[in-house]
Amino acid sequence: MNEAIPSINIEEVTPDDMLLDVREIDEWEAGHAPNAVHLALSTLAENGLEVPAGSRVQVICKVGGRSAQATNYLRSLGIDAVNVSGGMLAWEQAGQEVVTDSGETGWVS
């Protein structure tokens, strides 16, 4: 029996914890949360993830499917990770800032 993947809503995302964006590079370049760290789901296992001590990892993608997979994987490694429900689409709809790497206004791809 699989345990439910822990999730949080956009309103529960905290700047005190790492926000990990697991979308592909073209999606990231179009726009992302200002303080997010990018590591595509497709490269997560091979690249690993350095998590600051005491930090929870809040995992986000476009809608929530890939971030749920990444959350499950990180938790299997003993990392405190939660899925951000609704993903970047919910982030943008909630009026949260979306930026490009240059700091300009971005959009969710």
Protein backbone atom coordinates (compact mmCIF):
# COMPACT_ATOMS: atom_id res chain seq x y z
CA MET A 1 0.00 0.00 0.00
CA ASN A 2 1.43 3.36 -1.06
CA GLU A 3 1.31 6.28 1.31
CA ALA A 4 -0.27 9.47 0.01
CA ILE A 5 2.27 11.97 -1.27
CA PRO A 6 2.27 14.96 1.10
CA SER A 7 1.11 18.13 -0.62
CA ILE A 8 0.77 21.81 0.14
CA ASN A 9 -1.19 24.59 -1.56
CA ILE A 10 0.41 27.67 -3.12
CA GLU A 11 -0.55 29.69 -0.02
CA GLU A 12 1.51 27.30 2.14
CA VAL A 13 4.76 27.69 0.17
CA THR A 14 7.30 29.30 2.43
CA PRO A 15 10.48 31.18 1.47
CA ASP A 16 12.24 29.50 4.42
CA ASP A 17 12.28 26.17 2.54
CA MET A 18 13.73 25.22 -0.83
CA LEU A 19 11.38 25.53 -3.81
CA LEU A 20 12.46 22.97 -6.42
CA ASP A 21 11.13 23.39 -9.96
CA VAL A 22 11.30 20.06 -11.85
CA ARG A 23 10.00 21.28 -15.23
CA GLU A 24 12.13 21.01 -18.37
CA ILE A 25 14.60 23.76 -19.27
CA ASP A 26 12.37 25.41 -21.90
CA GLU A 27 9.56 25.71 -19.34
CA TRP A 28 11.98 27.11 -16.74
CA GLU A 29 13.36 29.68 -19.19
CA ALA A 30 9.85 30.92 -20.04
CA GLY A 31 9.22 31.74 -16.37
CA HIS A 32 9.62 30.46 -12.84
CA ALA A 33 9.20 31.47 -9.22
CA PRO A 34 11.87 34.05 -8.26
CA ASN A 35 13.65 31.98 -5.59
CA ALA A 36 13.19 28.54 -7.13
CA VAL A 37 16.00 26.08 -7.84
CA HIS A 38 15.80 24.27 -11.18
CA LEU A 39 16.49 20.57 -11.63
CA ALA A 40 14.40 18.83 -14.28
CA LEU A 41 12.68 15.61 -13.23
CA SER A 42 14.39 13.86 -16.14
CA THR A 43 17.81 14.60 -14.58
CA LEU A 44 16.98 14.42 -10.87
CA ALA A 45 18.34 10.91 -10.24
CA GLU A 46 21.59 11.49 -12.12
CA ASN A 47 22.32 14.96 -10.75
CA GLY A 48 21.18 14.57 -7.16
CA LEU A 49 20.04 17.44 -4.99
CA GLU A 50 21.86 19.28 -2.23
CA VAL A 51 19.32 20.30 0.39
CA PRO A 52 20.29 22.88 3.03
CA ALA A 53 20.25 21.41 6.53
CA GLY A 54 16.84 21.71 8.15
CA SER A 55 15.15 22.69 4.90
CA ARG A 56 12.06 21.04 3.51
CA VAL A 57 11.91 20.72 -0.28
CA GLN A 58 8.73 22.12 -1.86
CA VAL A 59 8.53 20.53 -5.31
CA ILE A 60 6.70 22.27 -8.16
CA CYS A 61 6.10 21.60 -11.87
CA LYS A 62 3.47 22.93 -14.28
CA VAL A 63 0.38 21.19 -12.83
CA GLY A 64 1.53 18.70 -10.18
CA GLY A 65 2.19 15.34 -11.84
CA ARG A 66 5.95 15.53 -12.30
CA SER A 67 6.41 17.21 -8.94
CA ALA A 68 4.48 14.36 -7.28
CA GLN A 69 6.89 11.88 -8.89
CA ALA A 70 9.89 13.93 -7.76
CA THR A 71 8.46 14.27 -4.24
CA ASN A 72 7.98 10.52 -4.01
CA TYR A 73 11.55 9.94 -5.23
CA LEU A 74 13.09 12.46 -2.81
CA ARG A 75 11.13 11.01 0.11
CA SER A 76 12.45 7.54 -0.80
CA LEU A 77 15.93 9.02 -0.24
CA GLY A 78 14.91 10.29 3.19
CA ILE A 79 14.53 13.93 2.11
CA ASP A 80 11.66 15.91 3.64
CA ALA A 81 9.77 16.84 0.46
CA VAL A 82 6.22 17.98 -0.33
CA ASN A 83 4.37 18.40 -3.61
CA VAL A 84 3.02 21.86 -4.45
CA SER A 85 -0.56 21.22 -5.59
CA GLY A 86 -1.58 22.89 -8.83
CA GLY A 87 1.99 23.68 -9.83
CA MET A 88 3.12 26.80 -11.61
CA LEU A 89 -0.29 27.28 -13.20
CA ALA A 90 -1.80 27.69 -9.72
CA TRP A 91 1.20 29.84 -8.73
CA GLU A 92 0.55 32.23 -11.62
CA GLN A 93 -3.24 32.22 -11.07
CA ALA A 94 -2.68 33.11 -7.41
CA GLY A 95 -0.89 36.26 -8.53
CA GLN A 96 2.57 35.09 -7.48
CA GLU A 97 5.53 36.52 -9.35
CA VAL A 98 6.84 34.65 -12.40
CA VAL A 99 10.26 35.75 -13.72
CA THR A 100 12.90 34.80 -16.26
CA ASP A 101 16.56 34.28 -15.38
CA SER A 102 17.20 37.91 -16.34
CA GLY A 103 14.58 39.06 -13.82
CA GLU A 104 12.02 40.13 -16.41
CA THR A 105 8.38 39.12 -16.18
CA GLY A 106 7.94 35.54 -17.33
CA TRP A 107 5.00 33.26 -18.07
CA VAL A 108 4.15 29.64 -17.37
CA SER A 109 4.89 27.38 -20.31
